[in-house]
Amino acid sequence: MGRLSAAKPRLGSMSSRLGGAPKSEAERSRHRDQTQGWRSWYKTARWQRLRLKVLQRDGYTCQATGALLVGKHPAPNSPVVDHVRPHRGNPDLFWDEDNLQAVSKEYHDKVKQSIEKRGRH
């Protein structure tokens, strides 16, 4: 039998389509801050006041699960003020107190984000 020669690869090399994919969570966050201007709203004193008002109104209780929101970030029972209807950069929805609810970080990061990714709210 003959020897097998080194076969030429059938697939050429392609450059990555991910290009400049963020290497870390901090880099991902910086990239999102640069491309989504509304994210800066979360860093304002106005948001902090509104957030506190909603947490107090809801009694530091998760409106989805009833859990007490007594943890410190990033604990699962830390408080998150969530937009009931996703604002998607709409300032009227973002700042509407009636569109806000207190939820646990665990609920927000798992259940609520899953719902939003499926296109529901």
N, C-alpha and C. Protein backbone atom coordinates (compact mmCIF):
# COMPACT_ATOMS: atom_id res chain seq x y z
N MET A 1 0.83 -1.17 0.00
CA MET A 1 0.00 0.00 0.00
C MET A 1 0.87 1.23 0.00
N GLY A 2 0.32 2.26 -0.58
CA GLY A 2 1.09 3.49 -0.65
C GLY A 2 0.99 4.29 0.63
N ARG A 3 1.90 5.16 0.76
CA ARG A 3 1.90 6.05 1.94
C ARG A 3 0.88 7.16 1.74
N LEU A 4 0.28 7.54 2.85
CA LEU A 4 -0.62 8.68 2.79
C LEU A 4 0.20 9.94 2.88
N SER A 5 -0.01 10.80 1.95
CA SER A 5 0.71 12.07 2.02
C SER A 5 -0.10 13.04 2.86
N ALA A 6 0.56 14.03 3.34
CA ALA A 6 -0.13 15.03 4.15
C ALA A 6 -1.18 15.71 3.27
N ALA A 7 -2.40 15.53 3.65
CA ALA A 7 -3.49 16.09 2.86
C ALA A 7 -3.61 17.58 3.11
N LYS A 8 -3.97 18.26 2.07
CA LYS A 8 -4.18 19.69 2.16
C LYS A 8 -5.52 19.91 2.88
N PRO A 9 -5.59 20.79 3.85
CA PRO A 9 -6.86 21.00 4.54
C PRO A 9 -7.95 21.43 3.57
N ARG A 10 -9.13 20.90 3.76
CA ARG A 10 -10.23 21.22 2.87
C ARG A 10 -10.83 22.59 3.17
N LEU A 11 -10.76 22.96 4.41
CA LEU A 11 -11.31 24.26 4.79
C LEU A 11 -10.19 25.26 4.93
N GLY A 12 -10.36 26.38 4.31
CA GLY A 12 -9.38 27.45 4.49
C GLY A 12 -9.56 28.08 5.86
N SER A 13 -8.61 28.83 6.27
CA SER A 13 -8.78 29.47 7.57
C SER A 13 -9.61 30.73 7.38
N MET A 14 -10.52 30.92 8.29
CA MET A 14 -11.38 32.10 8.25
C MET A 14 -11.06 32.96 9.46
N SER A 15 -11.19 34.24 9.27
CA SER A 15 -11.01 35.11 10.41
C SER A 15 -12.25 35.01 11.28
N SER A 16 -12.08 35.26 12.54
CA SER A 16 -13.17 35.17 13.49
C SER A 16 -14.24 36.20 13.17
N ARG A 17 -15.49 35.77 13.24
CA ARG A 17 -16.59 36.72 13.01
C ARG A 17 -16.91 37.47 14.30
N LEU A 18 -16.36 37.02 15.39
CA LEU A 18 -16.60 37.70 16.65
C LEU A 18 -15.79 38.98 16.74
N GLY A 19 -14.74 39.03 15.99
CA GLY A 19 -13.93 40.24 15.94
C GLY A 19 -13.48 40.69 17.31
N GLY A 20 -13.97 41.84 17.74
CA GLY A 20 -13.54 42.41 19.00
C GLY A 20 -14.42 42.01 20.16
N ALA A 21 -14.70 40.74 20.29
CA ALA A 21 -15.53 40.29 21.40
C ALA A 21 -14.86 40.66 22.72
N PRO A 22 -15.64 41.19 23.66
CA PRO A 22 -15.07 41.61 24.94
C PRO A 22 -14.40 40.44 25.66
N LYS A 23 -13.29 40.72 26.28
CA LYS A 23 -12.52 39.69 26.97
C LYS A 23 -12.97 39.50 28.41
N SER A 24 -13.57 40.54 29.00
CA SER A 24 -13.98 40.45 30.39
C SER A 24 -15.34 41.12 30.56
N GLU A 25 -15.96 40.90 31.70
CA GLU A 25 -17.25 41.53 31.98
C GLU A 25 -17.11 43.04 32.04
N ALA A 26 -16.01 43.53 32.59
CA ALA A 26 -15.78 44.98 32.67
C ALA A 26 -15.67 45.57 31.27
N GLU A 27 -14.97 44.88 30.39
CA GLU A 27 -14.83 45.36 29.00
C GLU A 27 -16.18 45.33 28.28
N ARG A 28 -16.96 44.28 28.52
CA ARG A 28 -18.29 44.17 27.93
C ARG A 28 -19.17 45.32 28.41
N SER A 29 -19.09 45.64 29.68
CA SER A 29 -19.88 46.73 30.24
C SER A 29 -19.48 48.07 29.64
N ARG A 30 -18.17 48.30 29.51
CA ARG A 30 -17.68 49.55 28.90
C ARG A 30 -18.18 49.68 27.47
N HIS A 31 -18.13 48.56 26.73
CA HIS A 31 -18.59 48.58 25.33
C HIS A 31 -20.07 48.92 25.27
N ARG A 32 -20.88 48.33 26.14
CA ARG A 32 -22.32 48.62 26.16
C ARG A 32 -22.57 50.07 26.56
N ASP A 33 -21.79 50.59 27.50
CA ASP A 33 -21.95 52.00 27.90
C ASP A 33 -21.69 52.93 26.71
N GLN A 34 -20.75 52.57 25.87
CA GLN A 34 -20.39 53.40 24.72
C GLN A 34 -21.43 53.31 23.60
N THR A 35 -22.06 52.16 23.45
CA THR A 35 -22.97 51.96 22.33
C THR A 35 -24.44 52.16 22.69
N GLN A 36 -24.76 52.19 23.97
CA GLN A 36 -26.13 52.37 24.42
C GLN A 36 -26.17 53.56 25.37
N GLY A 37 -26.42 54.73 24.82
CA GLY A 37 -26.37 55.97 25.59
C GLY A 37 -27.26 55.99 26.81
N TRP A 38 -28.40 55.32 26.74
CA TRP A 38 -29.33 55.32 27.88
C TRP A 38 -28.75 54.67 29.12
N ARG A 39 -27.72 53.84 28.97
CA ARG A 39 -27.14 53.19 30.15
C ARG A 39 -26.58 54.21 31.14
N SER A 40 -26.22 55.39 30.66
CA SER A 40 -25.71 56.42 31.57
C SER A 40 -26.80 56.94 32.50
N TRP A 41 -28.06 56.75 32.15
CA TRP A 41 -29.15 57.19 33.03
C TRP A 41 -29.09 56.50 34.38
N TYR A 42 -28.60 55.25 34.39
CA TYR A 42 -28.49 54.50 35.65
C TYR A 42 -27.44 55.10 36.60
N LYS A 43 -26.58 55.95 36.09
CA LYS A 43 -25.50 56.52 36.90
C LYS A 43 -25.84 57.91 37.42
N THR A 44 -27.09 58.33 37.27
CA THR A 44 -27.47 59.68 37.67
C THR A 44 -28.07 59.71 39.07
N ALA A 45 -27.99 60.87 39.70
CA ALA A 45 -28.63 61.07 41.01
C ALA A 45 -30.14 60.92 40.88
N ARG A 46 -30.68 61.33 39.75
CA ARG A 46 -32.12 61.20 39.53
C ARG A 46 -32.55 59.73 39.61
N TRP A 47 -31.77 58.84 38.96
CA TRP A 47 -32.09 57.41 39.01
C TRP A 47 -31.97 56.89 40.44
N GLN A 48 -30.93 57.28 41.15
CA GLN A 48 -30.73 56.80 42.52
C GLN A 48 -31.91 57.20 43.41
N ARG A 49 -32.42 58.43 43.25
CA ARG A 49 -33.57 58.88 44.03
C ARG A 49 -34.82 58.07 43.66
N LEU A 50 -35.04 57.88 42.36
CA LEU A 50 -36.20 57.12 41.91
C LEU A 50 -36.12 55.67 42.37
N ARG A 51 -34.94 55.10 42.29
CA ARG A 51 -34.72 53.72 42.72
C ARG A 51 -35.07 53.55 44.20
N LEU A 52 -34.57 54.45 45.02
CA LEU A 52 -34.85 54.39 46.45
C LEU A 52 -36.35 54.55 46.73
N LYS A 53 -36.99 55.44 46.01
CA LYS A 53 -38.43 55.66 46.17
C LYS A 53 -39.21 54.38 45.86
N VAL A 54 -38.82 53.67 44.79
CA VAL A 54 -39.50 52.43 44.39
C VAL A 54 -39.25 51.34 45.43
N LEU A 55 -38.02 51.22 45.90
CA LEU A 55 -37.70 50.20 46.92
C LEU A 55 -38.52 50.44 48.19
N GLN A 56 -38.61 51.70 48.60
CA GLN A 56 -39.39 52.02 49.79
C GLN A 56 -40.88 51.76 49.55
N ARG A 57 -41.37 52.17 48.39
CA ARG A 57 -42.78 51.94 48.05
C ARG A 57 -43.12 50.46 48.10
N ASP A 58 -42.22 49.62 47.59
CA ASP A 58 -42.46 48.18 47.53
C ASP A 58 -42.02 47.45 48.80
N GLY A 59 -41.61 48.21 49.80
CA GLY A 59 -41.26 47.62 51.09
C GLY A 59 -40.06 46.68 51.05
N TYR A 60 -39.12 46.95 50.14
CA TYR A 60 -37.94 46.10 49.99
C TYR A 60 -38.34 44.62 49.89
N THR A 61 -39.41 44.38 49.12
CA THR A 61 -39.93 43.03 48.91
C THR A 61 -40.02 42.77 47.42
N CYS A 62 -39.53 41.62 46.99
CA CYS A 62 -39.58 41.25 45.57
C CYS A 62 -41.04 41.13 45.16
N GLN A 63 -41.43 41.89 44.16
CA GLN A 63 -42.81 41.90 43.70
C GLN A 63 -43.17 40.65 42.90
N ALA A 64 -42.18 39.84 42.54
CA ALA A 64 -42.43 38.61 41.79
C ALA A 64 -42.47 37.39 42.70
N THR A 65 -41.62 37.39 43.73
CA THR A 65 -41.50 36.18 44.56
C THR A 65 -41.87 36.38 46.02
N GLY A 66 -41.93 37.63 46.46
CA GLY A 66 -42.24 37.90 47.86
C GLY A 66 -41.03 37.86 48.77
N ALA A 67 -39.85 37.60 48.22
CA ALA A 67 -38.62 37.52 49.04
C ALA A 67 -38.25 38.91 49.56
N LEU A 68 -37.73 38.94 50.78
CA LEU A 68 -37.23 40.20 51.32
C LEU A 68 -35.91 40.54 50.64
N LEU A 69 -35.75 41.79 50.28
CA LEU A 69 -34.56 42.24 49.55
C LEU A 69 -33.58 42.84 50.56
N VAL A 70 -32.88 41.96 51.26
CA VAL A 70 -32.00 42.40 52.34
C VAL A 70 -30.52 42.16 52.04
N GLY A 71 -30.22 41.55 50.91
CA GLY A 71 -28.84 41.23 50.57
C GLY A 71 -28.10 42.42 50.00
N LYS A 72 -26.79 42.28 50.00
CA LYS A 72 -25.93 43.30 49.39
C LYS A 72 -25.42 42.73 48.07
N HIS A 73 -25.44 43.56 47.03
CA HIS A 73 -24.99 43.12 45.70
C HIS A 73 -23.63 42.42 45.81
N PRO A 74 -23.44 41.27 45.23
CA PRO A 74 -24.25 40.55 44.25
C PRO A 74 -25.08 39.40 44.84
N ALA A 75 -25.50 39.48 46.09
CA ALA A 75 -26.29 38.41 46.70
C ALA A 75 -27.60 38.21 45.93
N PRO A 76 -28.08 36.97 45.87
CA PRO A 76 -29.32 36.68 45.14
C PRO A 76 -30.52 37.48 45.67
N ASN A 77 -30.50 37.82 46.97
CA ASN A 77 -31.63 38.56 47.54
C ASN A 77 -31.34 40.06 47.65
N SER A 78 -30.40 40.54 46.84
CA SER A 78 -30.15 41.99 46.81
C SER A 78 -31.20 42.66 45.93
N PRO A 79 -31.54 43.92 46.22
CA PRO A 79 -32.61 44.58 45.49
C PRO A 79 -32.20 45.08 44.11
N VAL A 80 -33.10 44.90 43.16
CA VAL A 80 -32.96 45.42 41.80
C VAL A 80 -34.26 46.14 41.49
N VAL A 81 -34.17 47.33 40.93
CA VAL A 81 -35.37 48.01 40.46
C VAL A 81 -35.48 47.72 38.97
N ASP A 82 -36.56 47.04 38.64
CA ASP A 82 -36.77 46.49 37.30
C ASP A 82 -37.86 47.25 36.56
N HIS A 83 -37.67 47.40 35.26
CA HIS A 83 -38.70 47.99 34.41
C HIS A 83 -39.69 46.89 34.04
N VAL A 84 -40.95 47.08 34.40
CA VAL A 84 -41.99 46.10 34.11
C VAL A 84 -42.08 45.90 32.60
N ARG A 85 -42.23 46.97 31.88
CA ARG A 85 -42.15 46.94 30.41
C ARG A 85 -40.76 47.41 30.04
N PRO A 86 -40.01 46.65 29.27
CA PRO A 86 -38.65 47.07 28.89
C PRO A 86 -38.68 48.44 28.21
N HIS A 87 -37.77 49.31 28.62
CA HIS A 87 -37.78 50.67 28.08
C HIS A 87 -37.08 50.79 26.74
N ARG A 88 -36.08 49.96 26.49
CA ARG A 88 -35.33 49.95 25.23
C ARG A 88 -34.93 51.35 24.77
N GLY A 89 -34.52 52.17 25.75
CA GLY A 89 -34.04 53.51 25.45
C GLY A 89 -35.12 54.58 25.41
N ASN A 90 -36.36 54.21 25.64
CA ASN A 90 -37.46 55.18 25.65
C ASN A 90 -37.46 55.90 27.00
N PRO A 91 -37.16 57.19 27.03
CA PRO A 91 -37.06 57.90 28.31
C PRO A 91 -38.38 57.94 29.08
N ASP A 92 -39.51 57.98 28.38
CA ASP A 92 -40.80 57.99 29.08
C ASP A 92 -41.00 56.70 29.88
N LEU A 93 -40.68 55.56 29.29
CA LEU A 93 -40.79 54.29 30.00
C LEU A 93 -39.71 54.15 31.07
N PHE A 94 -38.51 54.64 30.78
CA PHE A 94 -37.40 54.51 31.73
C PHE A 94 -37.72 55.22 33.04
N TRP A 95 -38.21 56.45 32.97
CA TRP A 95 -38.42 57.28 34.15
C TRP A 95 -39.81 57.14 34.77
N ASP A 96 -40.68 56.34 34.19
CA ASP A 96 -42.05 56.18 34.68
C ASP A 96 -42.06 55.30 35.94
N GLU A 97 -42.37 55.93 37.07
CA GLU A 97 -42.37 55.22 38.36
C GLU A 97 -43.35 54.04 38.34
N ASP A 98 -44.46 54.18 37.62
CA ASP A 98 -45.45 53.10 37.54
C ASP A 98 -44.95 51.93 36.70
N ASN A 99 -43.86 52.10 35.99
CA ASN A 99 -43.26 51.04 35.18
C ASN A 99 -42.11 50.36 35.92
N LEU A 100 -41.96 50.67 37.19
CA LEU A 100 -40.84 50.13 37.97
C LEU A 100 -41.34 49.25 39.10
N GLN A 101 -40.55 48.22 39.42
CA GLN A 101 -40.88 47.33 40.53
C GLN A 101 -39.60 46.84 41.18
N ALA A 102 -39.69 46.56 42.46
CA ALA A 102 -38.57 45.98 43.19
C ALA A 102 -38.60 44.47 42.99
N VAL A 103 -37.46 43.91 42.60
CA VAL A 103 -37.33 42.45 42.47
C VAL A 103 -35.97 42.04 43.01
N SER A 104 -35.82 40.75 43.25
CA SER A 104 -34.52 40.25 43.71
C SER A 104 -33.57 40.13 42.53
N LYS A 105 -32.29 40.23 42.81
CA LYS A 105 -31.28 40.06 41.76
C LYS A 105 -31.43 38.69 41.11
N GLU A 106 -31.70 37.69 41.92
CA GLU A 106 -31.85 36.33 41.38
C GLU A 106 -33.01 36.26 40.39
N TYR A 107 -34.16 36.82 40.74
CA TYR A 107 -35.30 36.82 39.83
C TYR A 107 -34.98 37.62 38.57
N HIS A 108 -34.42 38.81 38.76
CA HIS A 108 -34.12 39.68 37.62
C HIS A 108 -33.14 39.03 36.65
N ASP A 109 -32.07 38.44 37.18
CA ASP A 109 -31.01 37.92 36.31
C ASP A 109 -31.39 36.59 35.66
N LYS A 110 -32.30 35.85 36.24
CA LYS A 110 -32.67 34.55 35.67
C LYS A 110 -34.01 34.63 34.95
N VAL A 111 -35.06 34.81 35.70
CA VAL A 111 -36.41 34.74 35.15
C VAL A 111 -36.70 35.92 34.22
N LYS A 112 -36.54 37.13 34.72
CA LYS A 112 -36.92 38.31 33.94
C LYS A 112 -36.10 38.45 32.67
N GLN A 113 -34.79 38.24 32.77
CA GLN A 113 -33.95 38.34 31.58
C GLN A 113 -34.31 37.28 30.56
N SER A 114 -34.67 36.08 31.02
CA SER A 114 -35.09 35.01 30.12
C SER A 114 -36.37 35.40 29.39
N ILE A 115 -37.30 35.98 30.11
CA ILE A 115 -38.56 36.43 29.50
C ILE A 115 -38.28 37.48 28.43
N GLU A 116 -37.43 38.45 28.76
CA GLU A 116 -37.13 39.52 27.81
C GLU A 116 -36.40 39.00 26.57
N LYS A 117 -35.51 38.03 26.76
CA LYS A 117 -34.79 37.48 25.61
C LYS A 117 -35.72 36.75 24.65
N ARG A 118 -36.80 36.21 25.20
CA ARG A 118 -37.78 35.53 24.35
C ARG A 118 -38.74 36.51 23.69
N GLY A 119 -38.53 37.80 23.97
CA GLY A 119 -39.34 38.82 23.32
C GLY A 119 -40.64 39.14 24.01
N ARG A 120 -40.78 38.67 25.23
CA ARG A 120 -42.00 38.97 25.99
C ARG A 120 -41.64 39.96 27.06
N HIS A 121 -42.63 40.56 27.66
CA HIS A 121 -42.40 41.42 28.80
C HIS A 121 -43.53 41.23 29.74
